[in-house]
Amino acid sequence: MEANLRWVLLTAVAPLAWGANYYVTHAYLPADRPLWGAALRALPAGLVLLTLSRRRPHGPWWWRSALLGLLNTAVFFVLLYLASQLLPTSTAATVMAASPLAMLLTAWALAGQRPHRAHLVGAVVGLGGVALTLLGAGGAVSGAGLAASVAAMLVSCVGYVLAARWREGADPLAATSWQLTAGGLMLLPLAAAAEGAPPAMDARTLPAFGYVALVATALAFALWFAGLRHLPAGTVGLLGLLNPLAGVLLGAGLAGEGLGARQVCGLALVLAGVLLGRPRGPARPAEASVAPESGIRVGN
């Protein structure tokens, strides 16, 4: 019992760190450097995890890592950075909380994994919660920020469905390190060409970049996958709900964002939809494939 509680507490650090990442990006990182922001998150974290895993890609994992690094790291991190900058922290966190529901529908379309009726009900409920949250947001919601959030969800859904189908031959931590490293290396020349020199590091941005790369990515992913080895996938999936909760609470508490009744109800509906959309049936930890920063199990 004590061991399980310890792993629950350690694993919970990951979704809390991801939820706080919305606020840190919005409040402390430069708004006009999304490519550098994504690169400086991905590459240091990938190298740290590569050192921990001590495994290099092999066989088809060279091209798989490149493709998944493009989808799950390069494109996803850039879009997530833009969404975090353009939307209030609480709104960005609530919209991205619908990722597991979008992932279920994507797995149905791309992999033929037909969801249960309860899953479809959960998707409708969750998307209704997102719509209610957007209606309840104070002021006009950025169309560009909303588009970045939706695009980030779609890209990550495709990437994680592919990752679930290709999980043989590599443990999750090693595969994640390859994707982060590949994505970071792809972003470096693009960032230099499009945005010039890296952003200046000062007392404000250096700790923020350190948090994003080392805490919200390297440490969070390592704890997440360690939790998967010691806890049931369903437990880890429930802990993933701390991600949007942390984002909403930090947005309201630290950023001074208004949190009205509509937004609270909207977030509650999103979380209810995610709970309804959880895959049915038990799964041993070693058999589960859970997408980081979403907390939903994909694959069989």
Protein backbone atom coordinates (compact mmCIF):
# COMPACT_ATOMS: atom_id res chain seq x y z
CA MET A 1 0.00 0.00 0.00
CA GLU A 2 2.76 2.44 0.96
CA ALA A 3 4.71 1.59 -2.21
CA ASN A 4 1.64 2.23 -4.38
CA LEU A 5 0.97 5.53 -2.63
CA ARG A 6 4.59 6.57 -3.20
CA TRP A 7 4.32 5.80 -6.91
CA VAL A 8 1.00 7.61 -7.15
CA LEU A 9 2.56 10.72 -5.60
CA LEU A 10 5.64 10.54 -7.83
CA THR A 11 3.60 9.95 -10.98
CA ALA A 12 1.28 12.83 -10.09
CA VAL A 13 4.26 15.20 -10.45
CA ALA A 14 4.12 14.72 -14.25
CA PRO A 15 0.58 16.01 -14.97
CA LEU A 16 1.01 18.78 -12.42
CA ALA A 17 4.20 19.86 -14.18
CA TRP A 18 2.47 19.77 -17.58
CA GLY A 19 -0.42 21.82 -16.23
CA ALA A 20 1.98 24.42 -14.84
CA ASN A 21 3.77 24.51 -18.19
CA TYR A 22 0.87 26.49 -19.72
CA TYR A 23 1.33 29.23 -17.14
CA VAL A 24 5.14 29.31 -17.30
CA THR A 25 5.10 29.56 -21.09
CA HIS A 26 2.42 32.26 -21.08
CA ALA A 27 3.95 34.36 -18.32
CA TYR A 28 7.71 34.03 -18.70
CA LEU A 29 8.73 32.94 -22.21
CA PRO A 30 8.96 35.21 -25.28
CA ALA A 31 5.77 35.22 -27.31
CA ASP A 32 7.53 35.70 -30.66
CA ARG A 33 9.88 32.68 -30.45
CA PRO A 34 7.73 29.54 -30.76
CA LEU A 35 10.34 27.62 -32.78
CA TRP A 36 13.13 28.36 -30.32
CA GLY A 37 10.76 27.76 -27.43
CA ALA A 38 9.93 24.28 -28.75
CA ALA A 39 13.56 23.48 -29.62
CA LEU A 40 14.86 24.53 -26.21
CA ARG A 41 12.23 22.36 -24.59
CA ALA A 42 12.73 19.27 -26.72
CA LEU A 43 16.46 18.89 -27.29
CA PRO A 44 17.79 19.25 -23.71
CA ALA A 45 15.05 16.95 -22.42
CA GLY A 46 15.71 14.41 -25.17
CA LEU A 47 19.44 14.31 -24.39
CA VAL A 48 18.76 13.88 -20.66
CA LEU A 49 16.36 10.98 -21.28
CA LEU A 50 18.73 9.49 -23.85
CA THR A 51 21.43 9.45 -21.19
CA LEU A 52 19.06 7.76 -18.74
CA SER A 53 17.79 5.13 -21.19
CA ARG A 54 21.25 4.39 -22.65
CA ARG A 55 19.71 3.02 -25.83
CA ARG A 56 20.06 4.16 -29.42
CA PRO A 57 17.46 3.64 -32.16
CA HIS A 58 17.80 0.44 -34.15
CA GLY A 59 16.32 -0.91 -37.35
CA PRO A 60 13.02 0.76 -38.27
CA TRP A 61 13.18 2.91 -35.15
CA TRP A 62 15.50 5.32 -36.97
CA TRP A 63 12.79 6.45 -39.39
CA ARG A 64 10.00 5.92 -36.85
CA SER A 65 11.77 8.21 -34.39
CA ALA A 66 12.15 10.84 -37.10
CA LEU A 67 8.47 10.73 -38.05
CA LEU A 68 7.21 10.60 -34.47
CA GLY A 69 9.69 13.31 -33.50
CA LEU A 70 8.22 15.51 -36.22
CA LEU A 71 4.63 14.92 -35.07
CA ASN A 72 4.84 14.40 -31.30
CA THR A 73 7.69 16.83 -30.62
CA ALA A 74 8.48 19.40 -33.31
CA VAL A 75 5.01 20.28 -34.58
CA PHE A 76 3.20 19.54 -31.31
CA PHE A 77 5.53 21.59 -29.11
CA VAL A 78 5.40 24.58 -31.48
CA LEU A 79 1.59 24.51 -31.60
CA LEU A 80 1.35 24.02 -27.82
CA TYR A 81 3.70 26.98 -27.31
CA LEU A 82 1.54 29.16 -29.55
CA ALA A 83 -1.66 28.05 -27.80
CA SER A 84 -0.14 28.76 -24.38
CA GLN A 85 0.90 32.25 -25.50
CA LEU A 86 -2.29 33.23 -27.31
CA LEU A 87 -4.91 31.81 -24.93
CA PRO A 88 -5.46 32.43 -21.22
CA THR A 89 -3.82 29.64 -19.21
CA SER A 90 -7.15 28.28 -17.95
CA THR A 91 -8.68 28.25 -21.45
CA ALA A 92 -5.65 26.57 -23.05
CA ALA A 93 -5.59 23.90 -20.33
CA THR A 94 -9.30 23.15 -20.68
CA VAL A 95 -9.21 22.94 -24.47
CA MET A 96 -6.19 20.62 -24.40
CA ALA A 97 -7.94 18.48 -21.79
CA ALA A 98 -10.13 17.21 -24.62
CA SER A 99 -7.08 15.52 -26.22
CA PRO A 100 -7.94 12.05 -24.89
CA LEU A 101 -11.41 12.29 -26.45
CA ALA A 102 -9.97 13.39 -29.77
CA MET A 103 -7.47 10.55 -29.53
CA LEU A 104 -10.23 7.97 -29.16
CA LEU A 105 -11.90 9.23 -32.33
CA THR A 106 -8.57 9.34 -34.18
CA ALA A 107 -7.78 5.75 -33.15
CA TRP A 108 -11.19 4.77 -34.52
CA ALA A 109 -10.56 6.53 -37.85
CA LEU A 110 -6.93 5.48 -38.37
CA ALA A 111 -6.58 2.18 -36.53
CA GLY A 112 -10.12 0.80 -36.61
CA GLN A 113 -10.36 0.78 -32.80
CA ARG A 114 -14.09 1.24 -32.52
CA PRO A 115 -15.01 3.02 -29.29
CA HIS A 116 -17.77 1.83 -27.00
CA ARG A 117 -21.01 3.78 -26.89
CA ALA A 118 -19.91 5.25 -23.55
CA HIS A 119 -16.75 6.53 -25.25
CA LEU A 120 -18.81 8.37 -27.87
CA VAL A 121 -21.04 9.82 -25.16
CA GLY A 122 -17.89 10.92 -23.35
CA ALA A 123 -16.59 12.62 -26.49
CA VAL A 124 -19.83 14.55 -26.93
CA VAL A 125 -19.92 15.54 -23.25
CA GLY A 126 -16.27 16.60 -23.26
CA LEU A 127 -16.51 18.64 -26.43
CA GLY A 128 -19.64 20.27 -25.04
CA GLY A 129 -17.60 21.22 -21.99
CA VAL A 130 -14.94 22.83 -24.19
CA ALA A 131 -17.62 24.83 -26.02
CA LEU A 132 -19.13 25.95 -22.70
CA THR A 133 -15.69 27.00 -21.46
CA LEU A 134 -15.02 29.08 -24.56
CA LEU A 135 -18.40 30.77 -24.25
CA GLY A 136 -17.66 31.54 -20.62
CA ALA A 137 -14.18 32.94 -21.20
CA GLY A 138 -13.88 36.60 -20.46
CA GLY A 139 -13.26 38.70 -23.56
CA ALA A 140 -12.76 37.47 -27.09
CA VAL A 141 -10.98 34.13 -27.47
CA SER A 142 -8.03 34.26 -29.87
CA GLY A 143 -8.95 32.46 -33.07
CA ALA A 144 -5.28 31.78 -33.77
CA GLY A 145 -4.80 30.36 -30.27
CA LEU A 146 -7.85 28.14 -30.59
CA ALA A 147 -6.67 26.94 -34.01
CA ALA A 148 -3.24 26.14 -32.55
CA SER A 149 -4.86 24.12 -29.74
CA VAL A 150 -7.04 22.12 -32.11
CA ALA A 151 -4.14 21.53 -34.50
CA ALA A 152 -1.92 20.42 -31.59
CA MET A 153 -4.57 17.91 -30.54
CA LEU A 154 -4.95 16.50 -34.05
CA VAL A 155 -1.20 16.21 -34.66
CA SER A 156 -0.56 14.56 -31.30
CA CYS A 157 -3.48 12.16 -31.82
CA VAL A 158 -2.06 10.92 -35.13
CA GLY A 159 1.42 10.67 -33.62
CA TYR A 160 0.32 8.76 -30.55
CA VAL A 161 -1.84 6.33 -32.52
CA LEU A 162 1.22 5.55 -34.64
CA ALA A 163 3.39 5.26 -31.52
CA ALA A 164 0.93 2.78 -30.01
CA ARG A 165 1.07 0.59 -33.13
CA TRP A 166 4.89 0.70 -33.22
CA ARG A 167 5.64 0.18 -29.54
CA GLU A 168 7.36 -3.18 -30.05
CA GLY A 169 11.14 -3.21 -29.92
CA ALA A 170 11.58 -0.13 -27.70
CA ASP A 171 10.63 0.73 -24.14
CA PRO A 172 8.56 3.92 -23.81
CA LEU A 173 11.28 6.00 -22.14
CA ALA A 174 13.85 5.20 -24.83
CA ALA A 175 11.36 5.83 -27.65
CA THR A 176 10.42 9.16 -26.07
CA SER A 177 14.07 10.19 -25.79
CA TRP A 178 14.59 9.42 -29.50
CA GLN A 179 11.52 11.42 -30.50
CA LEU A 180 12.46 14.42 -28.36
CA THR A 181 16.02 14.42 -29.65
CA ALA A 182 14.95 14.02 -33.28
CA GLY A 183 12.31 16.74 -32.97
CA GLY A 184 14.74 19.11 -31.28
CA LEU A 185 17.35 18.60 -33.98
CA MET A 186 14.72 19.29 -36.66
CA LEU A 187 13.69 22.51 -34.95
CA LEU A 188 17.17 23.99 -34.49
CA PRO A 189 17.87 24.98 -38.14
CA LEU A 190 14.28 26.12 -38.63
CA ALA A 191 14.43 28.31 -35.53
CA ALA A 192 17.75 29.82 -36.56
CA ALA A 193 16.52 30.53 -40.09
CA ALA A 194 13.09 31.91 -39.15
CA GLU A 195 13.71 33.57 -35.77
CA GLY A 196 17.42 34.39 -35.79
CA ALA A 197 19.58 34.01 -32.72
CA PRO A 198 18.26 32.16 -29.67
CA PRO A 199 16.29 34.29 -27.20
CA ALA A 200 18.35 36.14 -24.63
CA MET A 201 18.58 34.36 -21.31
CA ASP A 202 18.08 36.52 -18.24
CA ALA A 203 16.91 36.04 -14.68
CA ARG A 204 13.34 35.71 -15.94
CA THR A 205 13.63 33.45 -18.99
CA LEU A 206 16.49 31.14 -17.96
CA PRO A 207 14.64 29.52 -15.01
CA ALA A 208 11.50 29.31 -17.18
CA PHE A 209 13.31 27.49 -19.99
CA GLY A 210 14.96 25.29 -17.39
CA TYR A 211 11.58 24.41 -15.92
CA VAL A 212 10.01 23.69 -19.32
CA ALA A 213 12.86 21.45 -20.52
CA LEU A 214 14.07 19.74 -17.36
CA VAL A 215 10.99 19.60 -15.13
CA ALA A 216 7.94 19.67 -17.43
CA THR A 217 9.59 17.42 -20.03
CA ALA A 218 12.59 15.33 -18.88
CA LEU A 219 11.57 14.77 -15.25
CA ALA A 220 7.83 14.60 -15.99
CA PHE A 221 8.22 12.03 -18.77
CA ALA A 222 10.63 9.92 -16.69
CA LEU A 223 8.22 9.86 -13.71
CA TRP A 224 5.24 9.23 -15.99
CA PHE A 225 6.77 6.12 -17.55
CA ALA A 226 8.11 4.94 -14.20
CA GLY A 227 4.56 5.19 -12.87
CA LEU A 228 3.32 3.12 -15.80
CA ARG A 229 5.68 0.33 -14.80
CA HIS A 230 4.39 0.25 -11.22
CA LEU A 231 0.72 1.30 -11.41
CA PRO A 232 -2.32 0.14 -13.42
CA ALA A 233 -2.86 2.15 -16.60
CA GLY A 234 -6.29 3.24 -15.36
CA THR A 235 -4.75 4.81 -12.26
CA VAL A 236 -2.19 6.66 -14.35
CA GLY A 237 -4.95 7.82 -16.68
CA LEU A 238 -6.88 9.29 -13.78
CA LEU A 239 -3.76 11.08 -12.56
CA GLY A 240 -3.56 12.67 -16.01
CA LEU A 241 -6.66 14.68 -15.12
CA LEU A 242 -4.45 16.74 -12.81
CA ASN A 243 -2.98 18.35 -15.95
CA PRO A 244 -5.97 20.58 -16.85
CA LEU A 245 -6.86 21.11 -13.20
CA ALA A 246 -3.39 22.50 -12.49
CA GLY A 247 -3.54 24.73 -15.56
CA VAL A 248 -6.94 26.16 -14.64
CA LEU A 249 -6.06 26.75 -10.98
CA LEU A 250 -2.74 28.41 -11.82
CA GLY A 251 -4.41 30.59 -14.43
CA ALA A 252 -7.00 31.72 -11.90
CA GLY A 253 -4.68 31.99 -8.91
CA LEU A 254 -1.47 33.44 -10.37
CA ALA A 255 -2.49 35.01 -13.68
CA GLY A 256 -5.62 36.62 -12.26
CA GLU A 257 -7.85 35.07 -14.91
CA GLY A 258 -11.53 35.17 -14.12
CA LEU A 259 -12.98 31.75 -13.43
CA GLY A 260 -16.72 31.98 -13.88
CA ALA A 261 -19.44 29.42 -13.34
CA ARG A 262 -19.52 28.53 -17.05
CA GLN A 263 -15.81 27.74 -17.08
CA VAL A 264 -16.05 25.63 -13.94
CA CYS A 265 -18.99 23.70 -15.41
CA GLY A 266 -17.17 23.39 -18.72
CA LEU A 267 -14.07 21.94 -17.09
CA ALA A 268 -16.24 19.53 -15.08
CA LEU A 269 -17.89 18.34 -18.29
CA VAL A 270 -14.52 17.85 -19.99
CA LEU A 271 -13.24 15.76 -17.08
CA ALA A 272 -16.49 13.77 -17.01
CA GLY A 273 -16.13 13.14 -20.74
CA VAL A 274 -12.56 11.92 -20.29
CA LEU A 275 -13.67 9.56 -17.52
CA LEU A 276 -16.44 8.16 -19.73
CA GLY A 277 -13.96 7.82 -22.58
CA ARG A 278 -11.45 5.73 -20.67
CA PRO A 279 -10.78 2.37 -22.35
CA ARG A 280 -12.62 -0.57 -20.82
CA GLY A 281 -11.02 -3.62 -19.30
CA PRO A 282 -7.98 -4.16 -17.11
CA ALA A 283 -4.45 -3.74 -18.40
CA ARG A 284 -1.19 -4.65 -16.79
CA PRO A 285 1.30 -1.79 -16.58
CA ALA A 286 3.71 -3.31 -19.09
CA GLU A 287 0.97 -3.66 -21.69
CA ALA A 288 -0.26 -0.09 -21.52
CA SER A 289 0.73 2.68 -23.86
CA VAL A 290 -0.18 6.06 -22.42
CA ALA A 291 0.35 9.30 -24.26
CA PRO A 292 2.28 11.88 -22.25
CA GLU A 293 0.55 15.21 -21.61
CA SER A 294 -2.84 13.60 -22.19
CA GLY A 295 -2.98 10.69 -19.75
CA ILE A 296 -5.10 8.42 -21.93
CA ARG A 297 -4.25 4.83 -22.81
CA VAL A 298 -4.06 4.08 -26.50
CA GLY A 299 -3.57 0.82 -28.30
CA ASN A 300 -4.63 -2.62 -27.11
